[in-house]
Amino acid sequence: MTCKTCDDTRWVCEDHPDRPWGSGHPNACKCGGAGMPCPVCNEPKAGERPVLPADFIAHFDRDKCPVH
């Protein structure tokens, strides 16, 4: 059964959590906001991480990192 919130992408728009997130999905939100795990089908249990998209790439800016 397909998740009606994210269309099985497992991620939604942070600003519009009722719409799929990601440019490759035909029904995806086009607002350009950040993504977040789908609250219906990708809600991790305590101590676990949400399932990440297969093409997920983390970007860090060392100049803005409070530790460095």
N, C-alpha and C. Protein backbone atom coordinates (compact mmCIF):
# COMPACT_ATOMS: atom_id res chain seq x y z
N MET A 1 0.85 -1.18 0.00
CA MET A 1 0.00 0.00 0.00
C MET A 1 0.90 1.25 0.00
N THR A 2 0.62 2.17 -0.86
CA THR A 2 1.39 3.40 -0.99
C THR A 2 1.06 4.38 0.13
N CYS A 3 2.11 5.00 0.71
CA CYS A 3 1.89 6.03 1.73
C CYS A 3 1.24 7.24 1.04
N LYS A 4 0.09 7.65 1.52
CA LYS A 4 -0.64 8.77 0.90
C LYS A 4 0.02 10.12 1.17
N THR A 5 0.88 10.19 2.17
CA THR A 5 1.54 11.46 2.51
C THR A 5 2.74 11.72 1.61
N CYS A 6 3.59 10.71 1.42
CA CYS A 6 4.85 10.92 0.68
C CYS A 6 4.94 10.13 -0.62
N ASP A 7 3.90 9.41 -1.00
CA ASP A 7 3.92 8.55 -2.20
C ASP A 7 5.10 7.58 -2.18
N ASP A 8 5.42 7.05 -0.99
CA ASP A 8 6.50 6.08 -0.77
C ASP A 8 7.91 6.62 -1.03
N THR A 9 8.08 7.93 -1.02
CA THR A 9 9.44 8.49 -1.12
C THR A 9 10.09 8.50 0.26
N ARG A 10 9.29 8.39 1.32
CA ARG A 10 9.70 8.37 2.72
C ARG A 10 10.15 9.73 3.23
N TRP A 11 10.05 10.78 2.38
CA TRP A 11 10.42 12.14 2.77
C TRP A 11 9.35 13.12 2.31
N VAL A 12 9.11 14.16 3.12
CA VAL A 12 8.14 15.20 2.80
C VAL A 12 8.80 16.56 2.90
N CYS A 13 8.14 17.58 2.38
CA CYS A 13 8.62 18.95 2.47
C CYS A 13 8.46 19.43 3.92
N GLU A 14 9.50 20.04 4.46
CA GLU A 14 9.45 20.54 5.84
C GLU A 14 8.38 21.62 6.00
N ASP A 15 8.21 22.46 4.97
CA ASP A 15 7.22 23.53 5.02
C ASP A 15 5.81 23.05 4.66
N HIS A 16 5.71 21.97 3.92
CA HIS A 16 4.43 21.42 3.48
C HIS A 16 4.45 19.90 3.71
N PRO A 17 4.33 19.44 4.96
CA PRO A 17 4.51 18.02 5.29
C PRO A 17 3.44 17.08 4.73
N ASP A 18 2.51 17.61 3.98
CA ASP A 18 1.51 16.75 3.34
C ASP A 18 1.88 16.45 1.89
N ARG A 19 3.11 16.89 1.45
CA ARG A 19 3.54 16.69 0.06
C ARG A 19 4.89 16.01 0.02
N PRO A 20 5.13 15.13 -0.96
CA PRO A 20 6.44 14.50 -1.11
C PRO A 20 7.53 15.55 -1.34
N TRP A 21 8.75 15.21 -0.97
CA TRP A 21 9.90 16.10 -1.15
C TRP A 21 10.88 15.45 -2.11
N GLY A 22 11.48 16.23 -2.95
CA GLY A 22 12.48 15.72 -3.89
C GLY A 22 12.14 16.08 -5.31
N SER A 23 13.09 16.61 -6.01
CA SER A 23 12.85 17.10 -7.36
C SER A 23 12.52 16.00 -8.35
N GLY A 24 12.90 14.76 -8.06
CA GLY A 24 12.66 13.68 -9.01
C GLY A 24 11.26 13.09 -8.94
N HIS A 25 10.45 13.53 -8.02
CA HIS A 25 9.11 12.97 -7.87
C HIS A 25 8.09 13.88 -8.54
N PRO A 26 7.19 13.35 -9.36
CA PRO A 26 6.23 14.20 -10.09
C PRO A 26 5.28 14.99 -9.19
N ASN A 27 4.95 14.50 -8.01
CA ASN A 27 4.05 15.20 -7.11
C ASN A 27 4.78 15.98 -6.02
N ALA A 28 6.09 16.09 -6.15
CA ALA A 28 6.89 16.73 -5.10
C ALA A 28 6.57 18.22 -4.98
N CYS A 29 6.71 18.72 -3.77
CA CYS A 29 6.54 20.15 -3.50
C CYS A 29 7.66 20.90 -4.22
N LYS A 30 7.34 21.98 -4.84
CA LYS A 30 8.31 22.75 -5.63
C LYS A 30 8.75 24.04 -4.93
N CYS A 31 8.48 24.17 -3.62
CA CYS A 31 8.78 25.43 -2.93
C CYS A 31 10.27 25.62 -2.65
N GLY A 32 11.06 24.55 -2.72
CA GLY A 32 12.49 24.67 -2.47
C GLY A 32 12.86 24.54 -1.01
N GLY A 33 11.91 24.18 -0.17
CA GLY A 33 12.18 24.02 1.25
C GLY A 33 12.97 22.75 1.53
N ALA A 34 13.39 22.61 2.76
CA ALA A 34 14.14 21.43 3.19
C ALA A 34 13.21 20.23 3.30
N GLY A 35 13.79 19.07 3.29
CA GLY A 35 13.03 17.85 3.46
C GLY A 35 13.09 17.36 4.89
N MET A 36 12.14 16.51 5.24
CA MET A 36 12.15 15.86 6.55
C MET A 36 11.53 14.48 6.39
N PRO A 37 11.83 13.57 7.32
CA PRO A 37 11.25 12.23 7.22
C PRO A 37 9.73 12.29 7.26
N CYS A 38 9.11 11.43 6.49
CA CYS A 38 7.65 11.37 6.47
C CYS A 38 7.15 10.99 7.86
N PRO A 39 6.26 11.78 8.45
CA PRO A 39 5.77 11.47 9.79
C PRO A 39 4.86 10.24 9.84
N VAL A 40 4.45 9.74 8.67
CA VAL A 40 3.57 8.58 8.62
C VAL A 40 4.36 7.28 8.48
N CYS A 41 5.33 7.24 7.55
CA CYS A 41 6.00 5.97 7.26
C CYS A 41 7.51 5.96 7.52
N ASN A 42 8.10 7.07 7.94
CA ASN A 42 9.55 7.11 8.16
C ASN A 42 9.87 7.76 9.50
N GLU A 43 9.07 7.45 10.50
CA GLU A 43 9.27 7.99 11.85
C GLU A 43 10.17 7.01 12.61
N PRO A 44 11.44 7.39 12.87
CA PRO A 44 12.34 6.45 13.53
C PRO A 44 11.98 6.24 15.01
N LYS A 45 12.33 5.10 15.51
CA LYS A 45 12.16 4.81 16.93
C LYS A 45 13.29 5.50 17.70
N ALA A 46 13.15 5.61 18.99
CA ALA A 46 14.16 6.26 19.83
C ALA A 46 15.53 5.63 19.59
N GLY A 47 16.51 6.48 19.33
CA GLY A 47 17.88 6.02 19.10
C GLY A 47 18.18 5.57 17.69
N GLU A 48 17.18 5.58 16.81
CA GLU A 48 17.37 5.18 15.41
C GLU A 48 17.32 6.41 14.51
N ARG A 49 17.82 6.25 13.31
CA ARG A 49 17.79 7.32 12.32
C ARG A 49 16.72 7.01 11.28
N PRO A 50 16.16 8.04 10.64
CA PRO A 50 15.19 7.78 9.58
C PRO A 50 15.90 7.17 8.37
N VAL A 51 15.14 6.50 7.53
CA VAL A 51 15.68 5.95 6.29
C VAL A 51 16.01 7.11 5.37
N LEU A 52 17.25 7.16 4.88
CA LEU A 52 17.68 8.24 3.99
C LEU A 52 17.44 7.86 2.54
N PRO A 53 17.24 8.87 1.67
CA PRO A 53 17.10 8.58 0.24
C PRO A 53 18.38 7.92 -0.29
N ALA A 54 18.25 7.06 -1.28
CA ALA A 54 19.40 6.35 -1.84
C ALA A 54 20.47 7.30 -2.38
N ASP A 55 20.06 8.46 -2.88
CA ASP A 55 21.02 9.41 -3.45
C ASP A 55 21.39 10.53 -2.48
N PHE A 56 21.17 10.32 -1.19
CA PHE A 56 21.44 11.34 -0.17
C PHE A 56 22.93 11.64 -0.08
N ILE A 57 23.28 12.92 -0.09
CA ILE A 57 24.65 13.37 0.10
C ILE A 57 24.63 14.47 1.16
N ALA A 58 25.41 14.28 2.22
CA ALA A 58 25.48 15.29 3.28
C ALA A 58 26.50 16.36 2.90
N HIS A 59 26.15 17.62 3.12
CA HIS A 59 27.05 18.73 2.85
C HIS A 59 27.28 19.48 4.15
N PHE A 60 28.53 19.72 4.48
CA PHE A 60 28.88 20.44 5.70
C PHE A 60 29.73 21.65 5.34
N ASP A 61 29.49 22.75 6.00
CA ASP A 61 30.27 23.97 5.80
C ASP A 61 31.13 24.16 7.04
N ARG A 62 32.42 23.82 6.95
CA ARG A 62 33.32 23.93 8.10
C ARG A 62 33.39 25.35 8.66
N ASP A 63 33.23 26.34 7.79
CA ASP A 63 33.30 27.73 8.24
C ASP A 63 32.15 28.10 9.16
N LYS A 64 31.03 27.39 9.05
CA LYS A 64 29.87 27.68 9.87
C LYS A 64 29.67 26.68 11.00
N CYS A 65 30.56 25.70 11.11
CA CYS A 65 30.46 24.68 12.14
C CYS A 65 30.91 25.26 13.48
N PRO A 66 30.08 25.19 14.54
CA PRO A 66 30.44 25.78 15.83
C PRO A 66 31.60 25.05 16.52
N VAL A 67 31.94 23.84 16.08
CA VAL A 67 33.01 23.08 16.72
C VAL A 67 34.37 23.49 16.18
N HIS A 68 34.44 23.93 14.95
CA HIS A 68 35.73 24.28 14.34
C HIS A 68 35.96 25.76 14.32
